[in-house]
Protein backbone atom coordinates (compact mmCIF):
# COMPACT_ATOMS: atom_id res chain seq x y z
CA MET A 1 -25.44 -11.28 17.92
CA SER A 2 -22.65 -10.17 15.69
CA ALA A 3 -19.64 -12.49 15.10
CA PRO A 4 -16.70 -12.12 17.22
CA ILE A 5 -13.43 -10.19 15.25
CA ARG A 6 -10.24 -11.97 15.62
CA PHE A 7 -7.27 -9.91 14.43
CA GLY A 8 -4.85 -11.67 11.91
CA THR A 9 -1.75 -9.80 10.63
CA GLU A 10 -1.76 -6.26 11.88
CA GLY A 11 -5.43 -6.10 11.98
CA PHE A 12 -8.61 -7.51 10.30
CA ARG A 13 -9.77 -9.10 6.99
CA GLY A 14 -12.43 -10.78 5.39
CA VAL A 15 -14.57 -11.46 2.41
CA ILE A 16 -16.24 -8.45 0.98
CA ALA A 17 -19.87 -8.31 2.23
CA ARG A 18 -19.58 -11.11 4.23
CA GLU A 19 -16.99 -11.04 7.01
CA PHE A 20 -15.96 -7.50 6.07
CA THR A 21 -18.84 -5.19 6.06
CA PHE A 22 -19.61 -1.36 6.98
CA ALA A 23 -21.05 -2.70 10.23
CA THR A 24 -17.91 -4.53 10.94
CA LEU A 25 -15.68 -1.56 9.62
CA HIS A 26 -17.72 0.70 12.25
CA ARG A 27 -17.16 -1.96 15.27
CA LEU A 28 -13.63 -1.91 14.37
CA ALA A 29 -13.33 2.25 14.43
CA GLU A 30 -15.11 2.21 17.70
CA ALA A 31 -12.36 -0.07 19.04
CA TYR A 32 -9.44 1.54 17.47
CA GLY A 33 -10.57 4.93 18.29
CA ARG A 34 -11.31 3.85 21.86
CA HIS A 35 -7.79 2.65 22.13
CA LEU A 36 -6.18 5.64 20.87
CA LEU A 37 -8.25 8.13 23.13
CA GLU A 38 -7.14 5.86 26.28
CA ARG A 39 -3.49 6.73 25.31
CA GLY A 40 -4.13 10.41 24.89
CA GLY A 41 -5.91 10.67 21.42
CA GLY A 42 -4.01 12.56 18.81
CA LEU A 43 -3.83 12.39 14.99
CA VAL A 44 -4.80 9.38 12.97
CA VAL A 45 -3.86 8.86 9.44
CA VAL A 46 -5.92 6.71 6.99
CA GLY A 47 -5.21 5.17 3.71
CA HIS A 48 -6.72 2.86 1.26
CA ASP A 49 -5.94 0.67 -1.92
CA THR A 50 -7.80 -0.08 -5.16
CA ARG A 51 -9.90 -2.87 -3.92
CA PHE A 52 -13.58 -2.78 -4.43
CA LEU A 53 -15.19 -0.23 -2.24
CA ALA A 54 -11.85 0.64 -0.17
CA ASP A 55 -12.46 4.43 -0.76
CA ALA A 56 -15.79 4.31 0.20
CA PHE A 57 -14.62 2.17 3.59
CA ALA A 58 -11.90 4.39 4.11
CA ARG A 59 -14.15 7.59 4.17
CA ALA A 60 -16.40 5.65 6.82
CA LEU A 61 -13.78 4.86 9.00
CA SER A 62 -12.44 8.47 8.99
CA GLY A 63 -15.55 9.73 9.56
CA HIS A 64 -16.18 7.42 12.48
CA LEU A 65 -12.76 8.22 14.17
CA ALA A 66 -13.35 12.14 13.50
CA GLY A 67 -16.73 11.55 15.34
CA MET A 68 -14.97 10.31 18.21
CA GLY A 69 -13.10 13.33 18.74
CA LEU A 70 -9.98 12.42 17.00
CA LYS A 71 -8.08 14.14 14.49
CA VAL A 72 -8.23 12.69 11.19
CA VAL A 73 -6.18 12.69 7.92
CA LEU A 74 -7.32 10.66 4.99
CA LEU A 75 -4.71 10.29 2.10
CA LYS A 76 -5.69 11.33 -1.13
CA GLY A 77 -6.68 8.51 -3.55
CA PRO A 78 -5.35 5.22 -3.54
CA VAL A 79 -1.95 4.91 -2.16
CA PRO A 80 0.73 2.23 -1.30
CA THR A 81 1.07 1.05 2.34
CA PRO A 82 4.52 2.65 2.54
CA LEU A 83 3.24 5.90 2.05
CA LEU A 84 0.64 5.52 4.97
CA SER A 85 3.63 4.28 7.16
CA PHE A 86 5.80 7.50 5.89
CA ALA A 87 2.56 9.69 6.73
CA VAL A 88 2.29 8.49 10.24
CA ARG A 89 5.71 9.67 10.80
CA HIS A 90 5.60 12.54 8.74
CA LEU A 91 2.72 14.11 10.43
CA LYS A 92 3.64 12.76 13.94
CA ALA A 93 0.50 10.86 14.07
CA ALA A 94 -0.51 8.58 16.84
CA GLY A 95 -1.29 5.79 14.58
CA GLY A 96 -2.54 4.81 11.17
CA ALA A 97 -5.29 2.50 9.68
CA MET A 98 -4.80 0.81 5.69
CA LEU A 99 -7.71 -0.18 4.11
CA THR A 100 -6.33 -3.31 1.95
CA ALA A 101 -6.06 -7.30 2.08
CA SER A 102 -2.33 -7.34 0.56
CA HIS A 103 -1.58 -10.05 -1.58
CA ASN A 104 -5.06 -11.84 -0.68
CA PRO A 105 -7.37 -12.47 -3.44
CA PRO A 106 -9.64 -9.39 -4.75
CA GLN A 107 -12.93 -10.36 -2.94
CA TYR A 108 -11.13 -9.73 0.47
CA LEU A 109 -10.89 -6.51 2.26
CA GLY A 110 -9.07 -5.42 5.46
CA VAL A 111 -8.01 -2.82 7.68
CA LYS A 112 -4.41 -2.96 8.80
CA PHE A 113 -3.49 -0.64 12.13
CA LYS A 114 -0.01 1.08 12.34
CA ASP A 115 1.56 2.46 15.66
CA ALA A 116 3.14 5.63 15.83
CA THR A 117 6.32 4.68 14.14
CA GLY A 118 4.40 3.65 10.92
CA GLY A 119 5.03 0.09 11.72
CA PRO A 120 2.84 -2.93 12.23
CA ILE A 121 0.97 -2.80 15.66
CA ALA A 122 2.54 -5.40 18.09
CA GLN A 123 0.69 -8.36 19.20
CA GLU A 124 0.09 -6.56 22.34
CA GLU A 125 -1.45 -3.67 21.01
CA ALA A 126 -3.61 -5.77 18.65
CA LYS A 127 -5.09 -7.69 21.43
CA ALA A 128 -5.72 -4.41 23.33
CA ILE A 129 -7.64 -3.13 20.22
CA GLU A 130 -9.29 -6.65 19.77
CA ALA A 131 -10.65 -6.62 23.37
CA LEU A 132 -12.35 -3.14 22.72
CA VAL A 133 -14.11 -4.41 19.86
CA PRO A 134 -18.21 -3.86 20.65
CA GLU A 135 -20.89 -6.49 19.35
CA GLU A 136 -22.30 -3.35 17.82
CA ALA A 137 -21.28 0.23 16.88
CA ARG A 138 -23.34 3.08 15.55
CA ALA A 139 -21.95 4.76 12.56
CA LEU A 140 -20.63 8.06 13.41
CA GLU A 141 -19.57 10.84 11.38
CA GLY A 142 -17.28 13.58 11.78
CA ALA A 143 -14.93 16.16 9.63
CA TYR A 144 -11.94 15.06 8.41
CA GLU A 145 -8.87 16.71 6.30
CA THR A 146 -7.80 15.08 2.80
CA LEU A 147 -4.25 15.41 2.25
CA ASP A 148 -1.76 14.60 -0.80
CA LEU A 149 1.67 13.76 0.52
CA ARG A 150 3.14 12.00 -2.69
CA GLU A 151 5.41 15.01 -3.21
CA ALA A 152 6.44 14.85 0.50
CA TYR A 153 7.09 11.13 0.26
CA PHE A 154 8.88 11.25 -3.17
CA GLU A 155 11.25 14.03 -1.37
CA ALA A 156 11.75 11.64 1.58
CA LEU A 157 12.66 8.77 -0.75
CA LYS A 158 15.46 10.85 -2.47
CA ALA A 159 17.72 10.62 0.48
CA HIS A 160 17.66 6.75 0.46
CA LEU A 161 18.81 6.59 -3.48
CA ASP A 162 21.94 7.42 -5.10
CA LEU A 163 20.40 9.65 -7.77
CA LYS A 164 23.87 10.35 -9.43
CA ALA A 165 24.04 6.64 -10.32
CA LEU A 166 20.50 6.59 -11.51
CA SER A 167 21.27 9.67 -13.77
CA GLY A 168 23.44 7.45 -15.68
CA PHE A 169 20.97 4.71 -16.65
CA SER A 170 20.06 4.62 -20.22
CA GLY A 171 18.02 2.03 -20.28
CA VAL A 172 13.86 1.73 -19.97
CA LEU A 173 11.77 0.64 -16.92
CA TYR A 174 8.75 -1.33 -17.40
CA HIS A 175 6.66 -0.67 -14.37
CA ASP A 176 3.46 -3.48 -13.74
CA SER A 177 1.41 -2.10 -11.18
CA MET A 178 -1.25 -5.15 -11.58
CA GLY A 179 -4.17 -2.53 -11.06
CA GLY A 180 -3.26 -1.71 -7.68
CA ALA A 181 -2.10 1.30 -5.50
CA GLY A 182 1.48 1.81 -6.96
CA ALA A 183 0.19 3.11 -10.43
CA GLY A 184 2.29 5.99 -11.50
CA PHE A 185 4.78 6.24 -8.38
CA LEU A 186 7.56 5.03 -9.98
CA LYS A 187 7.33 7.70 -12.89
CA GLY A 188 6.00 10.06 -10.45
CA PHE A 189 9.29 9.81 -8.33
CA LEU A 190 11.53 9.77 -11.26
CA ARG A 191 9.92 12.99 -12.47
CA HIS A 192 10.16 14.57 -8.99
CA ALA A 193 13.80 13.75 -8.90
CA GLY A 194 14.71 15.25 -12.38
CA LEU A 195 15.56 11.58 -13.78
CA GLU A 196 14.61 11.54 -17.51
CA ILE A 197 14.26 7.51 -17.50
CA PRO A 198 11.58 6.46 -19.51
CA VAL A 199 8.80 4.58 -17.79
CA ARG A 200 6.52 1.97 -19.48
CA PRO A 201 3.49 1.04 -17.54
CA ILE A 202 1.80 -2.38 -17.58
CA ARG A 203 -1.85 -2.68 -16.07
CA GLU A 204 -1.61 0.89 -14.82
CA GLU A 205 -5.52 1.28 -14.62
CA PRO A 206 -6.76 1.04 -11.12
CA HIS A 207 -8.85 -2.17 -10.97
CA PRO A 208 -10.55 -3.89 -8.21
CA LEU A 209 -10.03 -7.43 -9.55
CA PHE A 210 -6.46 -6.64 -10.27
CA HIS A 211 -6.75 -7.45 -13.85
CA GLY A 212 -7.79 -11.13 -13.18
CA VAL A 213 -4.81 -12.14 -10.84
CA ASN A 214 -4.01 -12.14 -7.30
CA PRO A 215 -2.01 -8.85 -6.56
CA GLU A 216 1.33 -10.66 -5.66
CA PRO A 217 4.36 -10.02 -7.74
CA ILE A 218 5.41 -13.97 -8.59
CA PRO A 219 5.58 -15.65 -11.93
CA LYS A 220 2.25 -17.19 -12.26
CA ASN A 221 1.00 -13.70 -11.82
CA LEU A 222 3.09 -11.92 -14.45
CA GLY A 223 2.46 -13.51 -17.58
CA VAL A 224 1.46 -10.25 -19.29
CA THR A 225 4.69 -8.59 -17.94
CA LEU A 226 6.99 -11.82 -18.76
CA ALA A 227 5.13 -11.50 -22.71
CA VAL A 228 5.90 -7.89 -22.87
CA LEU A 229 9.71 -8.73 -21.90
CA GLY A 230 9.82 -11.75 -24.34
CA PRO A 231 11.13 -9.75 -27.21
CA GLU A 232 13.71 -7.66 -25.19
CA THR A 233 17.28 -9.22 -25.41
CA PRO A 234 19.55 -6.72 -23.74
CA ARG A 235 22.45 -7.41 -21.43
CA ALA A 236 20.30 -6.83 -18.42
CA SER A 237 20.29 -7.92 -14.80
CA PRO A 238 17.16 -8.38 -12.57
CA TRP A 239 15.44 -5.25 -11.88
CA PRO A 240 13.35 -3.76 -8.94
CA ARG A 241 9.47 -3.45 -8.81
CA THR A 242 7.74 -1.14 -6.34
CA GLY A 243 4.75 -1.77 -4.11
CA THR A 244 3.39 -2.66 -0.92
CA ARG A 245 5.20 -4.03 2.22
CA THR A 246 5.46 -7.39 0.56
CA GLY A 247 4.52 -6.26 -2.96
CA TRP A 248 7.59 -6.31 -4.99
CA GLY A 249 9.97 -8.46 -6.81
CA TRP A 250 11.91 -8.44 -10.00
CA SER A 251 12.66 -10.02 -13.36
CA SER A 252 15.06 -9.65 -15.84
CA PRO A 253 14.38 -9.77 -19.76
CA VAL A 254 15.83 -12.90 -20.15
CA GLY A 255 12.95 -14.38 -17.73
CA SER A 256 14.82 -15.02 -14.42
CA PHE A 257 12.86 -13.87 -11.31
CA SER A 258 12.94 -12.71 -7.59
CA THR A 259 11.69 -11.72 -4.59
CA PRO A 260 13.04 -9.63 -1.47
CA THR A 261 13.50 -12.80 0.37
CA ARG A 262 15.73 -14.32 -1.95
CA SER A 263 18.06 -11.78 -2.80
CA SER A 264 18.50 -7.89 -3.09
CA PRO A 265 17.92 -6.33 -6.50
CA PRO A 266 20.78 -4.12 -8.01
CA TRP A 267 20.33 -0.73 -9.11
CA PRO A 268 21.27 0.66 -12.78
CA SER A 269 24.70 0.21 -13.60
CA THR A 270 26.22 -0.16 -17.07
CA ALA A 271 23.87 -2.26 -18.53
CA SER A 272 21.78 -1.23 -21.80
CA ALA A 273 18.99 -2.90 -19.79
CA ARG A 274 15.37 -2.62 -19.87
CA ALA A 275 13.80 -3.11 -16.71
CA ILE A 276 10.48 -3.84 -15.70
CA GLY A 277 8.78 -3.49 -12.16
CA ALA A 278 5.51 -3.76 -10.37
CA GLY A 279 3.57 -2.78 -7.48
CA ARG A 280 0.39 -2.38 -5.44
């Protein structure tokens, strides 16, 4: 008999090859698919981060949902969770599923379910999906579409930022993506927006072990970043780092650090500043 599946935050997570296996994934897919079909079906968007086998689990989930008769779009490459949420709304999907374990250690993987708003499923919906999880589920395979929505995402972001203010920034941005799915997104957005702000990447290479730290941008995991900033001595304010839902913080060259829960980061002003960023 298979172990019961109990949902945590937005879905289920566990240690890869122990609690989180392909057998578990197909049970979750079967439950989520039934849940959506009971509500009329529709389109589902699937994404994944850079964790071990996350791409393979994402393909298995996409194929299973498609095999149940749902239309499925798998986002191309590792993507940050906010892009998945954007895709759900942009494509007017019925829901979404993200293969990630957020800030948990590298040995973990999970699946987070999104509702039609792109936001986390409500507790009542989570309970409804959990109740549909079968003891066993035969793997299904169906055809799904792979889509790259980075440019559409960048275009949508432009409406939320003061591009004129950004264009006056004369400093350098350091972006520490910590081996996660945020790699290249800051540089890509600035290029898309026509902003000639240099970005110097740190730990940009996708890495299932996140270069030896947990993928959470807090001081104890940012030794490399702080070492890079050590020689910097400009007049600087703290700066943003982009990432997943909880995966960003900001720091200044003089070593001060904060997170979204402590305060809000300022955007470029007059300082001859050098900024750092991180993301998953």
